[in-house]
Amino acid sequence: MSIKKIMSWEGNNFQSSTGLTEEFARFSRDFKKYLREVCDVDYDIVDFNRGHFYVSGFVRRKFNGKLAYFSISDVRYFPDSWIDNILVRTAEHEKDYTGGSNNSCKIDELGDMFEKLTH
């Protein structure tokens, strides 16, 4: 999936609901496809969580086993923050949701941020 496909969600006003909407399910699938492309051959996605209108997870660098955590805010209340404000930080293990210092990046910088944090 190219950046163009995930960016087709830019400006989308997600329908709010108490449960999973088909719209958000499609967005999270597209986000995961984009993440796979970003990870390419250097990283494994070891955990991907589709929460209630947010996504988060962990990637592991194949070269050295170091982990990075990522998270996007609730897409209903923070429209398009998934484009320019992705939370990324180091992690000690796959349940380390507090990890190292918070970093923020744009979606097209996600691979570079993984590289920086897991070098």
PDB file of N, CA and C in Angstrom:
ATOM      1  N   MET A   1       0.842  -1.172   0.000  1.00  0.00           N
ATOM      2  CA  MET A   1       0.000   0.000   0.000  1.00  0.00           C
ATOM      3  C   MET A   1       0.886   1.233   0.000  1.00  0.00           C
ATOM      4  N   SER A   2       0.579   2.122  -0.823  1.00  0.00           N
ATOM      5  CA  SER A   2       1.369   3.341  -0.897  1.00  0.00           C
ATOM      6  C   SER A   2       0.848   4.369   0.100  1.00  0.00           C
ATOM      7  N   ILE A   3       1.647   5.395   0.308  1.00  0.00           N
ATOM      8  CA  ILE A   3       1.231   6.508   1.164  1.00  0.00           C
ATOM      9  C   ILE A   3      -0.044   7.134   0.604  1.00  0.00           C
ATOM     10  N   LYS A   4      -0.203   7.077  -0.707  1.00  0.00           N
ATOM     11  CA  LYS A   4      -1.381   7.668  -1.348  1.00  0.00           C
ATOM     12  C   LYS A   4      -2.670   7.014  -0.848  1.00  0.00           C
ATOM     13  N   LYS A   5      -2.655   5.700  -0.677  1.00  0.00           N
ATOM     14  CA  LYS A   5      -3.858   4.981  -0.233  1.00  0.00           C
ATOM     15  C   LYS A   5      -4.239   5.373   1.192  1.00  0.00           C
ATOM     16  N   ILE A   6      -3.288   5.369   2.103  1.00  0.00           N
ATOM     17  CA  ILE A   6      -3.629   5.729   3.491  1.00  0.00           C
ATOM     18  C   ILE A   6      -4.020   7.198   3.559  1.00  0.00           C
ATOM     19  N   MET A   7      -3.404   8.038   2.742  1.00  0.00           N
ATOM     20  CA  MET A   7      -3.730   9.464   2.754  1.00  0.00           C
ATOM     21  C   MET A   7      -5.117   9.752   2.173  1.00  0.00           C
ATOM     22  N   SER A   8      -5.711   8.773   1.524  1.00  0.00           N
ATOM     23  CA  SER A   8      -7.076   8.969   1.026  1.00  0.00           C
ATOM     24  C   SER A   8      -8.067   9.146   2.186  1.00  0.00           C
ATOM     25  N   TRP A   9      -7.643   8.786   3.403  1.00  0.00           N
ATOM     26  CA  TRP A   9      -8.474   8.966   4.598  1.00  0.00           C
ATOM     27  C   TRP A   9      -8.368  10.387   5.160  1.00  0.00           C
ATOM     28  N   GLU A  10      -7.437  11.183   4.655  1.00  0.00           N
ATOM     29  CA  GLU A  10      -7.269  12.546   5.167  1.00  0.00           C
ATOM     30  C   GLU A  10      -8.577  13.328   5.040  1.00  0.00           C
ATOM     31  N   GLY A  11      -8.920  14.044   6.098  1.00  0.00           N
ATOM     32  CA  GLY A  11     -10.137  14.846   6.096  1.00  0.00           C
ATOM     33  C   GLY A  11     -11.406  14.072   6.386  1.00  0.00           C
ATOM     34  N   ASN A  12     -11.284  12.768   6.582  1.00  0.00           N
ATOM     35  CA  ASN A  12     -12.465  11.956   6.863  1.00  0.00           C
ATOM     36  C   ASN A  12     -13.003  12.264   8.262  1.00  0.00           C
ATOM     37  N   ASN A  13     -14.298  12.466   8.366  1.00  0.00           N
ATOM     38  CA  ASN A  13     -14.951  12.639   9.667  1.00  0.00           C
ATOM     39  C   ASN A  13     -15.557  11.297  10.053  1.00  0.00           C
ATOM     40  N   PHE A  14     -14.885  10.599  10.966  1.00  0.00           N
ATOM     41  CA  PHE A  14     -15.315   9.263  11.345  1.00  0.00           C
ATOM     42  C   PHE A  14     -16.605   9.316  12.146  1.00  0.00           C
ATOM     43  N   GLN A  15     -17.509   8.426  11.786  1.00  0.00           N
ATOM     44  CA  GLN A  15     -18.773   8.301  12.492  1.00  0.00           C
ATOM     45  C   GLN A  15     -18.501   7.777  13.893  1.00  0.00           C
ATOM     46  N   SER A  16     -19.066   8.427  14.899  1.00  0.00           N
ATOM     47  CA  SER A  16     -18.902   7.985  16.278  1.00  0.00           C
ATOM     48  C   SER A  16     -19.904   6.872  16.573  1.00  0.00           C
ATOM     49  N   SER A  17     -19.503   5.954  17.415  1.00  0.00           N
ATOM     50  CA  SER A  17     -20.348   4.821  17.758  1.00  0.00           C
ATOM     51  C   SER A  17     -19.833   4.194  19.047  1.00  0.00           C
ATOM     52  N   THR A  18     -20.689   3.458  19.715  1.00  0.00           N
ATOM     53  CA  THR A  18     -20.253   2.738  20.909  1.00  0.00           C
ATOM     54  C   THR A  18     -19.555   1.432  20.543  1.00  0.00           C
ATOM     55  N   GLY A  19     -19.654   1.049  19.298  1.00  0.00           N
ATOM     56  CA  GLY A  19     -19.009  -0.172  18.824  1.00  0.00           C
ATOM     57  C   GLY A  19     -18.175   0.107  17.584  1.00  0.00           C
ATOM     58  N   LEU A  20     -17.561  -0.932  17.098  1.00  0.00           N
ATOM     59  CA  LEU A  20     -16.732  -0.831  15.896  1.00  0.00           C
ATOM     60  C   LEU A  20     -17.604  -0.514  14.688  1.00  0.00           C
ATOM     61  N   THR A  21     -17.189   0.480  13.922  1.00  0.00           N
ATOM     62  CA  THR A  21     -17.881   0.788  12.673  1.00  0.00           C
ATOM     63  C   THR A  21     -17.106   0.165  11.515  1.00  0.00           C
ATOM     64  N   GLU A  22     -17.792  -0.134  10.449  1.00  0.00           N
ATOM     65  CA  GLU A  22     -17.129  -0.676   9.260  1.00  0.00           C
ATOM     66  C   GLU A  22     -16.118   0.327   8.717  1.00  0.00           C
ATOM     67  N   GLU A  23     -16.453   1.602   8.817  1.00  0.00           N
ATOM     68  CA  GLU A  23     -15.564   2.658   8.349  1.00  0.00           C
ATOM     69  C   GLU A  23     -14.216   2.603   9.084  1.00  0.00           C
ATOM     70  N   PHE A  24     -14.247   2.529  10.423  1.00  0.00           N
ATOM     71  CA  PHE A  24     -12.997   2.489  11.169  1.00  0.00           C
ATOM     72  C   PHE A  24     -12.277   1.154  10.963  1.00  0.00           C
ATOM     73  N   ALA A  25     -13.010   0.085  10.803  1.00  0.00           N
ATOM     74  CA  ALA A  25     -12.396  -1.219  10.519  1.00  0.00           C
ATOM     75  C   ALA A  25     -11.597  -1.141   9.218  1.00  0.00           C
ATOM     76  N   ARG A  26     -12.153  -0.494   8.190  1.00  0.00           N
ATOM     77  CA  ARG A  26     -11.437  -0.332   6.915  1.00  0.00           C
ATOM     78  C   ARG A  26     -10.200   0.543   7.095  1.00  0.00           C
ATOM     79  N   PHE A  27     -10.349   1.649   7.837  1.00  0.00           N
ATOM     80  CA  PHE A  27      -9.202   2.522   8.082  1.00  0.00           C
ATOM     81  C   PHE A  27      -8.086   1.764   8.802  1.00  0.00           C
ATOM     82  N   SER A  28      -8.421   1.013   9.836  1.00  0.00           N
ATOM     83  CA  SER A  28      -7.376   0.304  10.590  1.00  0.00           C
ATOM     84  C   SER A  28      -6.706  -0.766   9.738  1.00  0.00           C
ATOM     85  N   ARG A  29      -7.455  -1.412   8.846  1.00  0.00           N
ATOM     86  CA  ARG A  29      -6.838  -2.366   7.917  1.00  0.00           C
ATOM     87  C   ARG A  29      -5.865  -1.649   6.981  1.00  0.00           C
ATOM     88  N   ASP A  30      -6.284  -0.493   6.473  1.00  0.00           N
ATOM     89  CA  ASP A  30      -5.402   0.280   5.601  1.00  0.00           C
ATOM     90  C   ASP A  30      -4.167   0.770   6.355  1.00  0.00           C
ATOM     91  N   PHE A  31      -4.341   1.176   7.606  1.00  0.00           N
ATOM     92  CA  PHE A  31      -3.201   1.632   8.404  1.00  0.00           C
ATOM     93  C   PHE A  31      -2.220   0.476   8.617  1.00  0.00           C
ATOM     94  N   LYS A  32      -2.751  -0.707   8.898  1.00  0.00           N
ATOM     95  CA  LYS A  32      -1.875  -1.871   9.104  1.00  0.00           C
ATOM     96  C   LYS A  32      -1.142  -2.239   7.810  1.00  0.00           C
ATOM     97  N   LYS A  33      -1.817  -2.147   6.673  1.00  0.00           N
ATOM     98  CA  LYS A  33      -1.155  -2.411   5.387  1.00  0.00           C
ATOM     99  C   LYS A  33      -0.027  -1.426   5.158  1.00  0.00           C
ATOM    100  N   TYR A  34      -0.288  -0.163   5.472  1.00  0.00           N
ATOM    101  CA  TYR A  34       0.761   0.847   5.324  1.00  0.00           C
ATOM    102  C   TYR A  34       1.917   0.547   6.278  1.00  0.00           C
ATOM    103  N   LEU A  35       1.601   0.166   7.500  1.00  0.00           N
ATOM    104  CA  LEU A  35       2.632  -0.174   8.478  1.00  0.00           C
ATOM    105  C   LEU A  35       3.492  -1.342   7.987  1.00  0.00           C
ATOM    106  N   ARG A  36       2.874  -2.336   7.377  1.00  0.00           N
ATOM    107  CA  ARG A  36       3.638  -3.456   6.807  1.00  0.00           C
ATOM    108  C   ARG A  36       4.635  -2.963   5.766  1.00  0.00           C
ATOM    109  N   GLU A  37       4.200  -2.005   4.948  1.00  0.00           N
ATOM    110  CA  GLU A  37       5.081  -1.447   3.933  1.00  0.00           C
ATOM    111  C   GLU A  37       6.240  -0.688   4.578  1.00  0.00           C
ATOM    112  N   VAL A  38       5.947   0.085   5.609  1.00  0.00           N
ATOM    113  CA  VAL A  38       6.977   0.831   6.326  1.00  0.00           C
ATOM    114  C   VAL A  38       7.985  -0.126   6.955  1.00  0.00           C
ATOM    115  N   CYS A  39       7.484  -1.208   7.526  1.00  0.00           N
ATOM    116  CA  CYS A  39       8.351  -2.181   8.200  1.00  0.00           C
ATOM    117  C   CYS A  39       9.182  -2.986   7.214  1.00  0.00           C
ATOM    118  N   ASP A  40       8.629  -3.233   6.035  1.00  0.00           N
ATOM    119  CA  ASP A  40       9.324  -3.931   4.956  1.00  0.00           C
ATOM    120  C   ASP A  40      10.054  -5.156   5.487  1.00  0.00           C
ATOM    121  N   VAL A  41      11.326  -5.299   5.205  1.00  0.00           N
ATOM    122  CA  VAL A  41      12.079  -6.481   5.619  1.00  0.00           C
ATOM    123  C   VAL A  41      12.865  -6.253   6.906  1.00  0.00           C
ATOM    124  N   ASP A  42      12.888  -5.015   7.410  1.00  0.00           N
ATOM    125  CA  ASP A  42      13.714  -4.696   8.571  1.00  0.00           C
ATOM    126  C   ASP A  42      13.016  -4.899   9.913  1.00  0.00           C
ATOM    127  N   TYR A  43      11.682  -4.935   9.913  1.00  0.00           N
ATOM    128  CA  TYR A  43      10.924  -5.010  11.164  1.00  0.00           C
ATOM    129  C   TYR A  43       9.820  -6.051  11.061  1.00  0.00           C
ATOM    130  N   ASP A  44       9.459  -6.596  12.218  1.00  0.00           N
ATOM    131  CA  ASP A  44       8.274  -7.430  12.340  1.00  0.00           C
ATOM    132  C   ASP A  44       7.245  -6.654  13.134  1.00  0.00           C
ATOM    133  N   ILE A  45       6.003  -6.713  12.722  1.00  0.00           N
ATOM    134  CA  ILE A  45       4.916  -6.171  13.536  1.00  0.00           C
ATOM    135  C   ILE A  45       4.594  -7.267  14.554  1.00  0.00           C
ATOM    136  N   VAL A  46       4.920  -7.032  15.809  1.00  0.00           N
ATOM    137  CA  VAL A  46       4.720  -8.072  16.812  1.00  0.00           C
ATOM    138  C   VAL A  46       3.387  -7.919  17.531  1.00  0.00           C
ATOM    139  N   ASP A  47       2.765  -6.761  17.405  1.00  0.00           N
ATOM    140  CA  ASP A  47       1.453  -6.555  18.005  1.00  0.00           C
ATOM    141  C   ASP A  47       0.793  -5.384  17.292  1.00  0.00           C
ATOM    142  N   PHE A  48      -0.465  -5.555  16.918  1.00  0.00           N
ATOM    143  CA  PHE A  48      -1.246  -4.477  16.310  1.00  0.00           C
ATOM    144  C   PHE A  48      -2.615  -4.511  16.957  1.00  0.00           C
ATOM    145  N   ASN A  49      -2.965  -3.432  17.632  1.00  0.00           N
ATOM    146  CA  ASN A  49      -4.245  -3.353  18.335  1.00  0.00           C
ATOM    147  C   ASN A  49      -5.159  -2.347  17.664  1.00  0.00           C
ATOM    148  N   ARG A  50      -6.335  -2.805  17.318  1.00  0.00           N
ATOM    149  CA  ARG A  50      -7.367  -1.886  16.847  1.00  0.00           C
ATOM    150  C   ARG A  50      -8.265  -1.635  18.045  1.00  0.00           C
ATOM    151  N   GLY A  51      -8.100  -0.460  18.630  1.00  0.00           N
ATOM    152  CA  GLY A  51      -8.904  -0.104  19.787  1.00  0.00           C
ATOM    153  C   GLY A  51     -10.187   0.569  19.352  1.00  0.00           C
ATOM    154  N   HIS A  52     -10.788   1.271  20.293  1.00  0.00           N
ATOM    155  CA  HIS A  52     -12.022   1.986  20.013  1.00  0.00           C
ATOM    156  C   HIS A  52     -11.672   3.317  19.347  1.00  0.00           C
ATOM    157  N   PHE A  53     -11.504   3.284  18.039  1.00  0.00           N
ATOM    158  CA  PHE A  53     -11.176   4.438  17.203  1.00  0.00           C
ATOM    159  C   PHE A  53      -9.729   4.909  17.350  1.00  0.00           C
ATOM    160  N   TYR A  54      -8.840   4.021  17.720  1.00  0.00           N
ATOM    161  CA  TYR A  54      -7.403   4.295  17.699  1.00  0.00           C
ATOM    162  C   TYR A  54      -6.701   2.990  17.347  1.00  0.00           C
ATOM    163  N   VAL A  55      -5.446   3.084  16.941  1.00  0.00           N
ATOM    164  CA  VAL A  55      -4.633   1.887  16.746  1.00  0.00           C
ATOM    165  C   VAL A  55      -3.303   2.085  17.460  1.00  0.00           C
ATOM    166  N   SER A  56      -2.719   0.969  17.866  1.00  0.00           N
ATOM    167  CA  SER A  56      -1.419   0.995  18.524  1.00  0.00           C
ATOM    168  C   SER A  56      -0.758  -0.353  18.316  1.00  0.00           C
ATOM    169  N   GLY A  57       0.509  -0.429  18.689  1.00  0.00           N
ATOM    170  CA  GLY A  57       1.193  -1.708  18.572  1.00  0.00           C
ATOM    171  C   GLY A  57       2.688  -1.584  18.764  1.00  0.00           C
ATOM    172  N   PHE A  58       3.357  -2.687  18.463  1.00  0.00           N
ATOM    173  CA  PHE A  58       4.798  -2.776  18.628  1.00  0.00           C
ATOM    174  C   PHE A  58       5.418  -3.336  17.358  1.00  0.00           C
ATOM    175  N   VAL A  59       6.589  -2.823  17.026  1.00  0.00           N
ATOM    176  CA  VAL A  59       7.384  -3.398  15.948  1.00  0.00           C
ATOM    177  C   VAL A  59       8.750  -3.778  16.520  1.00  0.00           C
ATOM    178  N   ARG A  60       9.313  -4.851  15.995  1.00  0.00           N
ATOM    179  CA  ARG A  60      10.626  -5.321  16.444  1.00  0.00           C
ATOM    180  C   ARG A  60      11.587  -5.275  15.273  1.00  0.00           C
ATOM    181  N   ARG A  61      12.732  -4.664  15.501  1.00  0.00           N
ATOM    182  CA  ARG A  61      13.775  -4.625  14.476  1.00  0.00           C
ATOM    183  C   ARG A  61      14.425  -5.997  14.384  1.00  0.00           C
ATOM    184  N   LYS A  62      14.475  -6.552  13.202  1.00  0.00           N
ATOM    185  CA  LYS A  62      15.016  -7.898  13.005  1.00  0.00           C
ATOM    186  C   LYS A  62      16.506  -7.959  13.300  1.00  0.00           C
ATOM    187  N   PHE A  63      17.230  -6.918  12.985  1.00  0.00           N
ATOM    188  CA  PHE A  63      18.681  -6.888  13.139  1.00  0.00           C
ATOM    189  C   PHE A  63      19.132  -7.070  14.585  1.00  0.00           C
ATOM    190  N   ASN A  64      18.436  -6.386  15.524  1.00  0.00           N
ATOM    191  CA  ASN A  64      18.898  -6.419  16.907  1.00  0.00           C
ATOM    192  C   ASN A  64      17.812  -6.732  17.937  1.00  0.00           C
ATOM    193  N   GLY A  65      16.592  -6.929  17.501  1.00  0.00           N
ATOM    194  CA  GLY A  65      15.507  -7.296  18.410  1.00  0.00           C
ATOM    195  C   GLY A  65      14.915  -6.150  19.214  1.00  0.00           C
ATOM    196  N   LYS A  66      15.351  -4.918  18.967  1.00  0.00           N
ATOM    197  CA  LYS A  66      14.825  -3.785  19.728  1.00  0.00           C
ATOM    198  C   LYS A  66      13.396  -3.469  19.301  1.00  0.00           C
ATOM    199  N   LEU A  67      12.610  -3.018  20.291  1.00  0.00           N
ATOM    200  CA  LEU A  67      11.191  -2.747  20.076  1.00  0.00           C
ATOM    201  C   LEU A  67      10.881  -1.260  20.055  1.00  0.00           C
ATOM    202  N   ALA A  68       9.856  -0.906  19.298  1.00  0.00           N
ATOM    203  CA  ALA A  68       9.281   0.436  19.314  1.00  0.00           C
ATOM    204  C   ALA A  68       7.769   0.280  19.428  1.00  0.00           C
ATOM    205  N   TYR A  69       7.169   1.170  20.195  1.00  0.00           N
ATOM    206  CA  TYR A  69       5.719   1.239  20.372  1.00  0.00           C
ATOM    207  C   TYR A  69       5.202   2.414  19.550  1.00  0.00           C
ATOM    208  N   PHE A  70       4.024   2.268  18.956  1.00  0.00           N
ATOM    209  CA  PHE A  70       3.393   3.365  18.215  1.00  0.00           C
ATOM    210  C   PHE A  70       1.922   3.446  18.599  1.00  0.00           C
ATOM    211  N   SER A  71       1.356   4.632  18.471  1.00  0.00           N
ATOM    212  CA  SER A  71      -0.054   4.829  18.793  1.00  0.00           C
ATOM    213  C   SER A  71      -0.576   6.070  18.082  1.00  0.00           C
ATOM    214  N   ILE A  72      -1.806   5.981  17.603  1.00  0.00           N
ATOM    215  CA  ILE A  72      -2.481   7.165  17.066  1.00  0.00           C
ATOM    216  C   ILE A  72      -3.676   7.463  17.967  1.00  0.00           C
ATOM    217  N   SER A  73      -4.000   8.731  18.080  1.00  0.00           N
ATOM    218  CA  SER A  73      -5.117   9.185  18.912  1.00  0.00           C
ATOM    219  C   SER A  73      -6.455   8.819  18.285  1.00  0.00           C
ATOM    220  N   ASP A  74      -7.490   8.925  19.089  1.00  0.00           N
ATOM    221  CA  ASP A  74      -8.859   8.672  18.656  1.00  0.00           C
ATOM    222  C   ASP A  74      -9.169   9.529  17.426  1.00  0.00           C
ATOM    223  N   VAL A  75      -9.459   8.874  16.316  1.00  0.00           N
ATOM    224  CA  VAL A  75      -9.649   9.577  15.043  1.00  0.00           C
ATOM    225  C   VAL A  75     -10.927  10.408  15.007  1.00  0.00           C
ATOM    226  N   ARG A  76     -11.852  10.164  15.924  1.00  0.00           N
ATOM    227  CA  ARG A  76     -13.085  10.972  15.955  1.00  0.00           C
ATOM    228  C   ARG A  76     -12.822  12.344  16.550  1.00  0.00           C
ATOM    229  N   TYR A  77     -12.008  12.384  17.603  1.00  0.00           N
ATOM    230  CA  TYR A  77     -11.808  13.636  18.349  1.00  0.00           C
ATOM    231  C   TYR A  77     -10.542  14.377  17.948  1.00  0.00           C
ATOM    232  N   PHE A  78      -9.634  13.693  17.278  1.00  0.00           N
ATOM    233  CA  PHE A  78      -8.394  14.304  16.812  1.00  0.00           C
ATOM    234  C   PHE A  78      -8.238  14.010  15.320  1.00  0.00           C
ATOM    235  N   PRO A  79      -9.129  14.602  14.511  1.00  0.00           N
ATOM    236  CA  PRO A  79      -9.096  14.314  13.075  1.00  0.00           C
ATOM    237  C   PRO A  79      -7.730  14.602  12.464  1.00  0.00           C
ATOM    238  N   ASP A  80      -7.293  13.693  11.668  1.00  0.00           N
ATOM    239  CA  ASP A  80      -6.032  13.798  10.928  1.00  0.00           C
ATOM    240  C   ASP A  80      -4.784  13.850  11.809  1.00  0.00           C
ATOM    241  N   SER A  81      -4.924  13.659  13.124  1.00  0.00           N
ATOM    242  CA  SER A  81      -3.713  13.608  13.955  1.00  0.00           C
ATOM    243  C   SER A  81      -2.888  12.364  13.624  1.00  0.00           C
ATOM    244  N   TRP A  82      -3.525  11.347  13.034  1.00  0.00           N
ATOM    245  CA  TRP A  82      -2.801  10.146  12.619  1.00  0.00           C
ATOM    246  C   TRP A  82      -1.832  10.465  11.481  1.00  0.00           C
ATOM    247  N   ILE A  83      -1.987  11.625  10.858  1.00  0.00           N
ATOM    248  CA  ILE A  83      -1.100  12.032   9.774  1.00  0.00           C
ATOM    249  C   ILE A  83       0.150  12.721  10.322  1.00  0.00           C
ATOM    250  N   ASP A  84      -0.031  13.593  11.287  1.00  0.00           N
ATOM    251  CA  ASP A  84       1.112  14.410  11.723  1.00  0.00           C
ATOM    252  C   ASP A  84       1.443  14.342  13.205  1.00  0.00           C
ATOM    253  N   ASN A  85       0.860  13.392  13.929  1.00  0.00           N
ATOM    254  CA  ASN A  85       1.147  13.302  15.357  1.00  0.00           C
ATOM    255  C   ASN A  85       1.054  11.853  15.851  1.00  0.00           C
ATOM    256  N   ILE A  86       1.900  10.998  15.309  1.00  0.00           N
ATOM    257  CA  ILE A  86       1.934   9.598  15.738  1.00  0.00           C
ATOM    258  C   ILE A  86       2.902   9.494  16.910  1.00  0.00           C
ATOM    259  N   LEU A  87       2.429   8.932  18.002  1.00  0.00           N
ATOM    260  CA  LEU A  87       3.274   8.708  19.170  1.00  0.00           C
ATOM    261  C   LEU A  87       4.158   7.490  18.922  1.00  0.00           C
ATOM    262  N   VAL A  88       5.451   7.638  19.135  1.00  0.00           N
ATOM    263  CA  VAL A  88       6.398   6.527  18.976  1.00  0.00           C
ATOM    264  C   VAL A  88       7.403   6.612  20.116  1.00  0.00           C
ATOM    265  N   ARG A  89       7.723   5.472  20.717  1.00  0.00           N
ATOM    266  CA  ARG A  89       8.743   5.430  21.764  1.00  0.00           C
ATOM    267  C   ARG A  89       9.348   4.039  21.844  1.00  0.00           C
ATOM    268  N   THR A  90      10.476   3.942  22.526  1.00  0.00           N
ATOM    269  CA  THR A  90      11.107   2.637  22.719  1.00  0.00           C
ATOM    270  C   THR A  90      10.281   1.821  23.707  1.00  0.00           C
ATOM    271  N   ALA A  91      10.498   0.514  23.662  1.00  0.00           N
ATOM    272  CA  ALA A  91       9.804  -0.385  24.583  1.00  0.00           C
ATOM    273  C   ALA A  91      10.759  -1.503  24.979  1.00  0.00           C
ATOM    274  N   GLU A  92      10.623  -1.955  26.204  1.00  0.00           N
ATOM    275  CA  GLU A  92      11.449  -3.056  26.704  1.00  0.00           C
ATOM    276  C   GLU A  92      10.877  -4.424  26.333  1.00  0.00           C
ATOM    277  N   HIS A  93       9.552  -4.500  26.241  1.00  0.00           N
ATOM    278  CA  HIS A  93       8.880  -5.765  25.926  1.00  0.00           C
ATOM    279  C   HIS A  93       7.535  -5.443  25.277  1.00  0.00           C
ATOM    280  N   GLU A  94       6.826  -6.466  24.847  1.00  0.00           N
ATOM    281  CA  GLU A  94       5.599  -6.293  24.065  1.00  0.00           C
ATOM    282  C   GLU A  94       4.383  -5.852  24.875  1.00  0.00           C
ATOM    283  N   LYS A  95       4.543  -5.639  26.153  1.00  0.00           N
ATOM    284  CA  LYS A  95       3.462  -5.105  26.991  1.00  0.00           C
ATOM    285  C   LYS A  95       3.904  -3.814  27.666  1.00  0.00           C
ATOM    286  N   ASP A  96       4.997  -3.234  27.195  1.00  0.00           N
ATOM    287  CA  ASP A  96       5.560  -2.013  27.769  1.00  0.00           C
ATOM    288  C   ASP A  96       4.873  -0.804  27.138  1.00  0.00           C
ATOM    289  N   TYR A  97       3.740  -0.416  27.720  1.00  0.00           N
ATOM    290  CA  TYR A  97       2.967   0.694  27.170  1.00  0.00           C
ATOM    291  C   TYR A  97       3.440   2.050  27.687  1.00  0.00           C
ATOM    292  N   THR A  98       4.396   2.067  28.610  1.00  0.00           N
ATOM    293  CA  THR A  98       4.910   3.335  29.129  1.00  0.00           C
ATOM    294  C   THR A  98       6.266   3.667  28.526  1.00  0.00           C
ATOM    295  N   GLY A  99       7.080   2.683  28.258  1.00  0.00           N
ATOM    296  CA  GLY A  99       8.320   2.805  27.493  1.00  0.00           C
ATOM    297  C   GLY A  99       9.209   3.989  27.779  1.00  0.00           C
ATOM    298  N   GLY A 100       9.981   4.363  26.775  1.00  0.00           N
ATOM    299  CA  GLY A 100      10.913   5.476  26.875  1.00  0.00           C
ATOM    300  C   GLY A 100      10.229   6.805  26.638  1.00  0.00           C
ATOM    301  N   SER A 101      11.018   7.800  26.310  1.00  0.00           N
ATOM    302  CA  SER A 101      10.501   9.152  26.084  1.00  0.00           C
ATOM    303  C   SER A 101       9.559   9.188  24.886  1.00  0.00           C
ATOM    304  N   ASN A 102       8.528  10.005  25.014  1.00  0.00           N
ATOM    305  CA  ASN A 102       7.577  10.176  23.915  1.00  0.00           C
ATOM    306  C   ASN A 102       8.216  10.929  22.761  1.00  0.00           C
ATOM    307  N   ASN A 103       7.964  10.453  21.564  1.00  0.00           N
ATOM    308  CA  ASN A 103       8.368  11.105  20.330  1.00  0.00           C
ATOM    309  C   ASN A 103       7.133  11.204  19.450  1.00  0.00           C
ATOM    310  N   SER A 104       7.119  12.189  18.596  1.00  0.00           N
ATOM    311  CA  SER A 104       6.009  12.374  17.686  1.00  0.00           C
ATOM    312  C   SER A 104       6.559  12.471  16.266  1.00  0.00           C
ATOM    313  N   CYS A 105       5.836  11.886  15.325  1.00  0.00           N
ATOM    314  CA  CYS A 105       6.274  11.984  13.933  1.00  0.00           C
ATOM    315  C   CYS A 105       5.068  12.015  13.013  1.00  0.00           C
ATOM    316  N   LYS A 106       5.334  12.384  11.785  1.00  0.00           N
ATOM    317  CA  LYS A 106       4.325  12.357  10.740  1.00  0.00           C
ATOM    318  C   LYS A 106       4.297  10.959  10.131  1.00  0.00           C
ATOM    319  N   ILE A 107       3.207  10.645   9.473  1.00  0.00           N
ATOM    320  CA  ILE A 107       3.052   9.306   8.927  1.00  0.00           C
ATOM    321  C   ILE A 107       4.152   8.957   7.928  1.00  0.00           C
ATOM    322  N   ASP A 108       4.598   9.914   7.151  1.00  0.00           N
ATOM    323  CA  ASP A 108       5.648   9.623   6.180  1.00  0.00           C
ATOM    324  C   ASP A 108       7.040   9.579   6.809  1.00  0.00           C
ATOM    325  N   GLU A 109       7.145   9.843   8.107  1.00  0.00           N
ATOM    326  CA  GLU A 109       8.409   9.757   8.842  1.00  0.00           C
ATOM    327  C   GLU A 109       8.462   8.546   9.768  1.00  0.00           C
ATOM    328  N   LEU A 110       7.420   7.727   9.748  1.00  0.00           N
ATOM    329  CA  LEU A 110       7.306   6.622  10.688  1.00  0.00           C
ATOM    330  C   LEU A 110       8.479   5.644  10.588  1.00  0.00           C
ATOM    331  N   GLY A 111       8.854   5.267   9.390  1.00  0.00           N
ATOM    332  CA  GLY A 111       9.988   4.359   9.212  1.00  0.00           C
ATOM    333  C   GLY A 111      11.278   4.951   9.747  1.00  0.00           C
ATOM    334  N   ASP A 112      11.511   6.223   9.485  1.00  0.00           N
ATOM    335  CA  ASP A 112      12.707   6.895   9.993  1.00  0.00           C
ATOM    336  C   ASP A 112      12.711   6.944  11.517  1.00  0.00           C
ATOM    337  N   MET A 113      11.543   7.154  12.119  1.00  0.00           N
ATOM    338  CA  MET A 113      11.470   7.197  13.573  1.00  0.00           C
ATOM    339  C   MET A 113      11.733   5.809  14.176  1.00  0.00           C
ATOM    340  N   PHE A 114      11.202   4.765  13.556  1.00  0.00           N
ATOM    341  CA  PHE A 114      11.511   3.412  14.018  1.00  0.00           C
ATOM    342  C   PHE A 114      13.017   3.177  13.963  1.00  0.00           C
ATOM    343  N   GLU A 115      13.621   3.582  12.858  1.00  0.00           N
ATOM    344  CA  GLU A 115      15.061   3.429  12.676  1.00  0.00           C
ATOM    345  C   GLU A 115      15.835   4.164  13.774  1.00  0.00           C
ATOM    346  N   LYS A 116      15.453   5.384  14.029  1.00  0.00           N
ATOM    347  CA  LYS A 116      16.134   6.201  15.038  1.00  0.00           C
ATOM    348  C   LYS A 116      16.035   5.565  16.431  1.00  0.00           C
ATOM    349  N   LEU A 117      14.849   5.073  16.778  1.00  0.00           N
ATOM    350  CA  LEU A 117      14.639   4.552  18.127  1.00  0.00           C
ATOM    351  C   LEU A 117      15.162   3.144  18.342  1.00  0.00           C
ATOM    352  N   THR A 118      15.333   2.388  17.264  1.00  0.00           N
ATOM    353  CA  THR A 118      15.781   1.000  17.438  1.00  0.00           C
ATOM    354  C   THR A 118      17.186   0.756  16.912  1.00  0.00           C
ATOM    355  N   HIS A 119      17.908   1.805  16.636  1.00  0.00           N
ATOM    356  CA  HIS A 119      19.269   1.674  16.104  1.00  0.00           C
ATOM    357  C   HIS A 119      20.201   1.080  17.152  1.00  0.00           C
TER     358      HIS A 119
END
